[in-house]
Amino acid sequence: MKIVELDQNEYHNYLIEDTYITKYLHLVKIKKSKGIHIYIKKKRIFRNKERSIEFKLFEDYVEHGQAFGIFERKKLIAVIEGSMENWNNTYRIWNLYVTRRHRKEGFGTALFEHMESIAKSLGARAIVLEVQSCNDPAINFYEKHGLHFIGLNTIAYTNEDVQNKEVRLEYGKRL
C-alpha cells in the first residue's frame, strides 16, 4: 500500500460522496439542575440506518491543508486531510475516508498513522477532529486509535442538532 501526497492544485474542491451504515446513535442529553449535566449514551437503533457523507478536499477554510491518498488503478480509494492549527499547536484532521468496498482492510489505519507521524514531526501537542454523533463506525475507529471525547457543539449543523440526533462531537489525542 502506497500513501501519496495529493497536490492541492489538482485536488482543490475534489468531491467525495459516499454512504455508511450505522447501527448505533450516540444520543446527547443536556440537563440543567444545580449545574449542567451532559450525557452521551450509545443506543442501538431499531434498523440499521444508511447515512450519506459529502465533502470536498482542500476547501478554502482549511489553511495550509495537507492530503494523502491511496490509489487502486489510478482511482482514489482512501484519503485523509489535515492541517496544523498554529494558534493552539494542534493538528486538525478534517477528513478521513475509505471507499465502502475497501473498509476494514487497513487503509484508514495506515492513513491515520501517517498523519499522526506528520503531526508529531510538526511539533503538534495533539490531534483533534470532529465526528457526528450518528457516525458510530467512525467513532469506533477513532477510539480504537486512541482518540477520546473532548467536547461537543449542539448547534454546529442546525439549531436542532440534538433533536436530529446529529451532534458535532470533538475527539482528540495527546501526542
C-alpha atoms as a PDB file:
ATOM      1  CA  MET A   1       0.000   0.000   0.000  1.00  0.00           C
ATOM      2  CA  LYS A   2       1.485   3.287  -1.116  1.00  0.00           C
ATOM      3  CA  ILE A   3       0.461   6.580   0.501  1.00  0.00           C
ATOM      4  CA  VAL A   4       0.769   9.534  -1.858  1.00  0.00           C
ATOM      5  CA  GLU A   5       0.595  13.244  -1.043  1.00  0.00           C
ATOM      6  CA  LEU A   6      -2.164  14.855  -3.071  1.00  0.00           C
ATOM      7  CA  ASP A   7      -1.416  18.051  -4.986  1.00  0.00           C
ATOM      8  CA  GLN A   8      -3.614  20.892  -3.768  1.00  0.00           C
ATOM      9  CA  ASN A   9      -3.944  22.422  -7.242  1.00  0.00           C
ATOM     10  CA  GLU A  10      -5.121  19.147  -8.731  1.00  0.00           C
ATOM     11  CA  TYR A  11      -7.448  18.134  -5.866  1.00  0.00           C
ATOM     12  CA  HIS A  12      -8.849  21.524  -4.785  1.00  0.00           C
ATOM     13  CA  ASN A  13     -12.607  21.043  -4.255  1.00  0.00           C
ATOM     14  CA  TYR A  14     -12.365  17.358  -5.270  1.00  0.00           C
ATOM     15  CA  LEU A  15     -15.759  15.952  -4.274  1.00  0.00           C
ATOM     16  CA  ILE A  16     -16.071  12.797  -2.164  1.00  0.00           C
ATOM     17  CA  GLU A  17     -19.554  11.277  -1.861  1.00  0.00           C
ATOM     18  CA  ASP A  18     -20.471   8.035  -0.162  1.00  0.00           C
ATOM     19  CA  THR A  19     -22.642   6.376   2.442  1.00  0.00           C
ATOM     20  CA  TYR A  20     -22.084   4.425   5.623  1.00  0.00           C
ATOM     21  CA  ILE A  21     -24.278   2.165   7.734  1.00  0.00           C
ATOM     22  CA  THR A  22     -24.757   2.843  11.431  1.00  0.00           C
ATOM     23  CA  LYS A  23     -26.284   0.501  13.992  1.00  0.00           C
ATOM     24  CA  TYR A  24     -25.953   2.880  16.934  1.00  0.00           C
ATOM     25  CA  LEU A  25     -26.501   6.533  17.738  1.00  0.00           C
ATOM     26  CA  HIS A  26     -24.669   8.477  20.409  1.00  0.00           C
ATOM     27  CA  LEU A  27     -27.543  10.410  21.946  1.00  0.00           C
ATOM     28  CA  VAL A  28     -26.706  13.696  23.640  1.00  0.00           C
ATOM     29  CA  LYS A  29     -28.823  14.946  26.547  1.00  0.00           C
ATOM     30  CA  ILE A  30     -28.186  18.117  28.493  1.00  0.00           C
ATOM     31  CA  LYS A  31     -29.930  18.666  31.820  1.00  0.00           C
ATOM     32  CA  LYS A  32     -29.781  21.833  33.895  1.00  0.00           C
ATOM     33  CA  SER A  33     -30.311  21.113  37.570  1.00  0.00           C
ATOM     34  CA  LYS A  34     -27.843  22.510  40.087  1.00  0.00           C
ATOM     35  CA  GLY A  35     -25.357  22.809  37.270  1.00  0.00           C
ATOM     36  CA  ILE A  36     -25.163  21.442  33.770  1.00  0.00           C
ATOM     37  CA  HIS A  37     -25.099  17.696  33.238  1.00  0.00           C
ATOM     38  CA  ILE A  38     -24.192  16.291  29.836  1.00  0.00           C
ATOM     39  CA  TYR A  39     -24.964  12.689  28.992  1.00  0.00           C
ATOM     40  CA  ILE A  40     -23.904  10.828  25.890  1.00  0.00           C
ATOM     41  CA  LYS A  41     -25.490   7.413  25.613  1.00  0.00           C
ATOM     42  CA  LYS A  42     -24.751   4.892  22.896  1.00  0.00           C
ATOM     43  CA  LYS A  43     -28.062   3.423  21.823  1.00  0.00           C
ATOM     44  CA  ARG A  44     -28.803   0.609  19.384  1.00  0.00           C
ATOM     45  CA  ILE A  45     -31.302   1.703  16.763  1.00  0.00           C
ATOM     46  CA  PHE A  46     -34.160  -0.491  15.610  1.00  0.00           C
ATOM     47  CA  ARG A  47     -32.999  -0.689  11.986  1.00  0.00           C
ATOM     48  CA  ASN A  48     -29.540  -0.096  10.627  1.00  0.00           C
ATOM     49  CA  LYS A  49     -29.509   3.344   9.084  1.00  0.00           C
ATOM     50  CA  GLU A  50     -27.692   4.369   5.937  1.00  0.00           C
ATOM     51  CA  ARG A  51     -26.298   7.898   6.073  1.00  0.00           C
ATOM     52  CA  SER A  52     -24.727   9.976   3.338  1.00  0.00           C
ATOM     53  CA  ILE A  53     -21.479  11.883   3.535  1.00  0.00           C
ATOM     54  CA  GLU A  54     -20.181  14.512   1.181  1.00  0.00           C
ATOM     55  CA  PHE A  55     -17.132  16.748   1.408  1.00  0.00           C
ATOM     56  CA  LYS A  56     -14.551  18.462  -0.760  1.00  0.00           C
ATOM     57  CA  LEU A  57     -10.806  18.336  -0.350  1.00  0.00           C
ATOM     58  CA  PHE A  58      -8.754  21.495   0.164  1.00  0.00           C
ATOM     59  CA  GLU A  59     -11.741  23.728   0.859  1.00  0.00           C
ATOM     60  CA  ASP A  60     -10.883  27.404   1.270  1.00  0.00           C
ATOM     61  CA  TYR A  61     -11.420  27.405   5.047  1.00  0.00           C
ATOM     62  CA  VAL A  62      -8.610  24.849   5.510  1.00  0.00           C
ATOM     63  CA  GLU A  63      -5.407  26.842   5.774  1.00  0.00           C
ATOM     64  CA  HIS A  64      -2.224  25.066   4.714  1.00  0.00           C
ATOM     65  CA  GLY A  65      -4.069  21.775   4.261  1.00  0.00           C
ATOM     66  CA  GLN A  66      -2.328  18.519   3.504  1.00  0.00           C
ATOM     67  CA  ALA A  67      -3.995  15.480   1.998  1.00  0.00           C
ATOM     68  CA  PHE A  68      -2.727  11.978   1.418  1.00  0.00           C
ATOM     69  CA  GLY A  69      -4.358   9.227  -0.548  1.00  0.00           C
ATOM     70  CA  ILE A  70      -4.180   5.600  -1.523  1.00  0.00           C
ATOM     71  CA  PHE A  71      -4.975   4.658  -5.096  1.00  0.00           C
ATOM     72  CA  GLU A  72      -6.069   1.500  -6.841  1.00  0.00           C
ATOM     73  CA  ARG A  73      -5.560   1.625 -10.606  1.00  0.00           C
ATOM     74  CA  LYS A  74      -5.483   5.453 -10.615  1.00  0.00           C
ATOM     75  CA  LYS A  75      -8.712   5.611  -8.576  1.00  0.00           C
ATOM     76  CA  LEU A  76      -8.563   7.322  -5.175  1.00  0.00           C
ATOM     77  CA  ILE A  77      -9.869   4.742  -2.679  1.00  0.00           C
ATOM     78  CA  ALA A  78      -8.794   6.298   0.621  1.00  0.00           C
ATOM     79  CA  VAL A  79      -7.881   9.812   1.700  1.00  0.00           C
ATOM     80  CA  ILE A  80      -7.006  11.800   4.805  1.00  0.00           C
ATOM     81  CA  GLU A  81      -6.826  15.584   5.039  1.00  0.00           C
ATOM     82  CA  GLY A  82      -5.498  17.732   7.853  1.00  0.00           C
ATOM     83  CA  SER A  83      -3.755  20.933   8.798  1.00  0.00           C
ATOM     84  CA  MET A  84      -1.751  22.435  11.628  1.00  0.00           C
ATOM     85  CA  GLU A  85      -3.612  24.901  13.817  1.00  0.00           C
ATOM     86  CA  ASN A  86      -0.756  27.090  14.991  1.00  0.00           C
ATOM     87  CA  TRP A  87      -2.832  29.181  17.400  1.00  0.00           C
ATOM     88  CA  ASN A  88      -3.193  26.194  19.760  1.00  0.00           C
ATOM     89  CA  ASN A  89      -0.448  23.903  18.443  1.00  0.00           C
ATOM     90  CA  THR A  90      -2.810  21.097  17.443  1.00  0.00           C
ATOM     91  CA  TYR A  91      -3.173  19.170  14.223  1.00  0.00           C
ATOM     92  CA  ARG A  92      -6.757  19.000  12.952  1.00  0.00           C
ATOM     93  CA  ILE A  93      -7.883  16.094  10.808  1.00  0.00           C
ATOM     94  CA  TRP A  94     -10.577  17.459   8.543  1.00  0.00           C
ATOM     95  CA  ASN A  95     -11.499  14.323   6.621  1.00  0.00           C
ATOM     96  CA  LEU A  96     -10.741  10.623   6.653  1.00  0.00           C
ATOM     97  CA  TYR A  97     -12.448   8.463   4.079  1.00  0.00           C
ATOM     98  CA  VAL A  98     -12.158   4.939   2.704  1.00  0.00           C
ATOM     99  CA  THR A  99     -14.461   3.643  -0.027  1.00  0.00           C
ATOM    100  CA  ARG A 100     -17.062   1.222   1.264  1.00  0.00           C
ATOM    101  CA  ARG A 101     -15.523  -1.641  -0.711  1.00  0.00           C
ATOM    102  CA  HIS A 102     -12.108  -1.135   0.925  1.00  0.00           C
ATOM    103  CA  ARG A 103     -13.125  -0.613   4.545  1.00  0.00           C
ATOM    104  CA  LYS A 104     -11.703  -2.969   7.167  1.00  0.00           C
ATOM    105  CA  GLU A 105      -8.584  -3.564   5.009  1.00  0.00           C
ATOM    106  CA  GLY A 106      -6.199  -1.307   6.979  1.00  0.00           C
ATOM    107  CA  PHE A 107      -6.261   1.735   4.683  1.00  0.00           C
ATOM    108  CA  GLY A 108      -7.815   4.028   7.304  1.00  0.00           C
ATOM    109  CA  THR A 109      -5.318   2.890   9.928  1.00  0.00           C
ATOM    110  CA  ALA A 110      -2.381   3.409   7.559  1.00  0.00           C
ATOM    111  CA  LEU A 111      -3.558   6.927   6.680  1.00  0.00           C
ATOM    112  CA  PHE A 112      -4.290   7.857  10.300  1.00  0.00           C
ATOM    113  CA  GLU A 113      -0.866   6.633  11.462  1.00  0.00           C
ATOM    114  CA  HIS A 114       0.783   8.508   8.585  1.00  0.00           C
ATOM    115  CA  MET A 115      -0.987  11.732   9.578  1.00  0.00           C
ATOM    116  CA  GLU A 116      -0.144  11.191  13.249  1.00  0.00           C
ATOM    117  CA  SER A 117       3.508  10.905  12.267  1.00  0.00           C
ATOM    118  CA  ILE A 118       3.292  14.167  10.311  1.00  0.00           C
ATOM    119  CA  ALA A 119       1.615  15.919  13.252  1.00  0.00           C
ATOM    120  CA  LYS A 120       4.413  14.780  15.572  1.00  0.00           C
ATOM    121  CA  SER A 121       7.084  15.922  13.111  1.00  0.00           C
ATOM    122  CA  LEU A 122       5.464  19.382  13.071  1.00  0.00           C
ATOM    123  CA  GLY A 123       5.610  19.508  16.879  1.00  0.00           C
ATOM    124  CA  ALA A 124       1.851  19.331  17.415  1.00  0.00           C
ATOM    125  CA  ARG A 125       0.826  18.655  21.000  1.00  0.00           C
ATOM    126  CA  ALA A 126      -2.406  16.887  19.994  1.00  0.00           C
ATOM    127  CA  ILE A 127      -4.565  15.643  17.142  1.00  0.00           C
ATOM    128  CA  VAL A 128      -8.197  16.784  17.095  1.00  0.00           C
ATOM    129  CA  LEU A 129     -11.142  16.077  14.825  1.00  0.00           C
ATOM    130  CA  GLU A 130     -14.891  16.321  14.514  1.00  0.00           C
ATOM    131  CA  VAL A 131     -17.255  13.366  14.170  1.00  0.00           C
ATOM    132  CA  GLN A 132     -21.033  13.283  14.043  1.00  0.00           C
ATOM    133  CA  SER A 133     -22.782  11.532  16.921  1.00  0.00           C
ATOM    134  CA  CYS A 134     -24.664   9.378  14.399  1.00  0.00           C
ATOM    135  CA  ASN A 135     -21.448   8.049  12.809  1.00  0.00           C
ATOM    136  CA  ASP A 136     -20.815   5.090  15.108  1.00  0.00           C
ATOM    137  CA  PRO A 137     -18.369   3.337  12.733  1.00  0.00           C
ATOM    138  CA  ALA A 138     -16.130   6.435  12.708  1.00  0.00           C
ATOM    139  CA  ILE A 139     -16.379   6.892  16.484  1.00  0.00           C
ATOM    140  CA  ASN A 140     -15.334   3.262  16.994  1.00  0.00           C
ATOM    141  CA  PHE A 141     -12.415   3.722  14.581  1.00  0.00           C
ATOM    142  CA  TYR A 142     -11.158   6.854  16.350  1.00  0.00           C
ATOM    143  CA  GLU A 143     -11.479   5.333  19.814  1.00  0.00           C
ATOM    144  CA  LYS A 144      -9.578   2.256  18.605  1.00  0.00           C
ATOM    145  CA  HIS A 145      -6.780   4.613  17.554  1.00  0.00           C
ATOM    146  CA  GLY A 146      -6.502   6.314  20.929  1.00  0.00           C
ATOM    147  CA  LEU A 147      -8.731   9.343  20.489  1.00  0.00           C
ATOM    148  CA  HIS A 148     -11.235  10.241  23.180  1.00  0.00           C
ATOM    149  CA  PHE A 149     -14.176  12.603  23.614  1.00  0.00           C
ATOM    150  CA  ILE A 150     -13.045  16.178  24.325  1.00  0.00           C
ATOM    151  CA  GLY A 151     -16.143  18.278  23.644  1.00  0.00           C
ATOM    152  CA  LEU A 152     -19.298  18.902  21.647  1.00  0.00           C
ATOM    153  CA  ASN A 153     -21.294  21.532  19.805  1.00  0.00           C
ATOM    154  CA  THR A 154     -25.071  21.141  19.880  1.00  0.00           C
ATOM    155  CA  ILE A 155     -25.783  23.717  17.129  1.00  0.00           C
ATOM    156  CA  ALA A 156     -22.941  23.097  14.668  1.00  0.00           C
ATOM    157  CA  TYR A 157     -25.073  21.858  11.768  1.00  0.00           C
ATOM    158  CA  THR A 158     -28.573  23.161  12.548  1.00  0.00           C
ATOM    159  CA  ASN A 159     -30.355  24.639  15.538  1.00  0.00           C
ATOM    160  CA  GLU A 160     -31.966  21.225  16.075  1.00  0.00           C
ATOM    161  CA  ASP A 161     -28.866  19.018  16.199  1.00  0.00           C
ATOM    162  CA  VAL A 162     -29.833  17.333  19.489  1.00  0.00           C
ATOM    163  CA  GLN A 163     -33.365  16.616  18.261  1.00  0.00           C
ATOM    164  CA  ASN A 164     -31.971  15.383  14.913  1.00  0.00           C
ATOM    165  CA  LYS A 165     -29.573  13.066  16.780  1.00  0.00           C
ATOM    166  CA  GLU A 166     -26.672  14.535  14.814  1.00  0.00           C
ATOM    167  CA  VAL A 167     -24.439  16.433  17.236  1.00  0.00           C
ATOM    168  CA  ARG A 168     -20.868  17.502  16.489  1.00  0.00           C
ATOM    169  CA  LEU A 169     -18.553  15.593  18.804  1.00  0.00           C
ATOM    170  CA  GLU A 170     -14.920  16.588  19.163  1.00  0.00           C
ATOM    171  CA  TYR A 171     -12.358  13.853  19.660  1.00  0.00           C
ATOM    172  CA  GLY A 172      -8.675  14.264  20.419  1.00  0.00           C
ATOM    173  CA  LYS A 173      -5.441  12.570  21.308  1.00  0.00           C
ATOM    174  CA  ARG A 174      -2.393  13.945  23.095  1.00  0.00           C
ATOM    175  CA  LEU A 175       0.868  13.403  21.234  1.00  0.00           C
END
